[in-house]
Structure formats: C-alpha cells, structure tokens
Amino acid sequence: MAHGAHRTPLLPPRPDLALARDCEQCLGWGTVVTRDGHHELCHTCQPGPAEGAARTPCS
C-alpha cells in the first residue's frame, strides 16, 4: 500500500503585539481568521512584507 506525503500543519503567523494592542479589527491579537479557517496577519495593524516596520499602531 502506497502512502502520500504527510501534510505539514501551517503555523499561524507571528504578529507584533505592540502594534496590535489597541486595534479594533483584530481585538489586539494581531491576526484574523479567514473564511477558510486560516490565520493571517491583521491588515489594519500589522505591516506587510513590503511595508516593513514603518506602519504605526491603530488608534
């Protein structure tokens, strides 16, 4: 009997909690859950890879 490769579970992204502290979108978690059930960094308070650390925390 042949078996396929085991699927590696995806680890949730690591948000910067200092930026997420007062964010109303993610409620301070720094991540949001998509409709598919995956965790993504909050687009409101977490910088994207191209943005770097230039974004300021939510108010």
Protein backbone atom coordinates (compact mmCIF):
# COMPACT_ATOMS: atom_id res chain seq x y z
CA MET A 1 0.00 0.00 0.00
CA ALA A 2 1.41 3.39 -1.01
CA HIS A 3 1.07 6.44 1.17
CA GLY A 4 1.33 10.07 0.12
CA ALA A 5 3.43 12.66 1.85
CA HIS A 6 2.11 13.88 5.16
CA ARG A 7 0.77 17.38 5.13
CA THR A 8 2.66 19.72 7.43
CA PRO A 9 0.31 21.80 9.57
CA LEU A 10 0.57 25.52 8.91
CA LEU A 11 1.74 27.55 11.85
CA PRO A 12 -0.08 30.83 12.44
CA PRO A 13 1.93 33.96 11.65
CA ARG A 14 3.69 35.77 14.49
CA PRO A 15 2.23 39.25 14.91
CA ASP A 16 3.83 42.21 16.66
CA LEU A 17 1.58 42.51 19.70
CA ALA A 18 2.79 46.02 20.45
CA LEU A 19 1.27 47.15 17.14
CA ALA A 20 -1.92 45.16 17.76
CA ARG A 21 -2.55 46.43 21.28
CA ASP A 22 -5.41 48.86 20.50
CA CYS A 23 -6.53 47.50 17.12
CA GLU A 24 -10.30 47.20 16.77
CA GLN A 25 -10.06 44.91 13.72
CA CYS A 26 -8.19 42.02 15.41
CA LEU A 27 -9.03 42.98 19.02
CA GLY A 28 -5.36 43.07 19.98
CA TRP A 29 -4.46 39.60 18.68
CA GLY A 30 -2.58 40.76 15.59
CA THR A 31 -4.16 38.03 13.45
CA VAL A 32 -7.55 37.41 11.91
CA VAL A 33 -9.17 34.14 10.82
CA THR A 34 -10.16 33.92 7.16
CA ARG A 35 -13.34 32.28 5.86
CA ASP A 36 -11.21 29.23 5.07
CA GLY A 37 -10.17 28.97 8.72
CA HIS A 38 -6.58 30.14 8.17
CA HIS A 39 -4.84 32.70 10.36
CA GLU A 40 -3.49 35.80 8.64
CA LEU A 41 -1.78 38.88 9.98
CA CYS A 42 -4.22 41.72 10.55
CA HIS A 43 -4.13 44.04 7.53
CA THR A 44 -5.01 47.01 9.74
CA CYS A 45 -2.21 46.93 12.32
CA GLN A 46 0.49 44.56 11.05
CA PRO A 47 3.00 45.64 8.40
CA GLY A 48 3.19 43.61 5.23
CA PRO A 49 6.49 42.24 3.90
CA ALA A 50 6.91 45.21 1.52
CA GLU A 51 5.92 47.80 4.13
CA GLY A 52 8.47 46.84 6.78
CA ALA A 53 8.08 48.32 10.24
CA ALA A 54 7.00 51.77 9.05
CA ARG A 55 3.31 51.35 9.96
CA THR A 56 2.11 52.84 13.24
CA PRO A 57 -0.30 51.12 15.67
CA CYS A 58 -4.07 51.52 15.26
CA SER A 59 -5.78 54.22 17.28
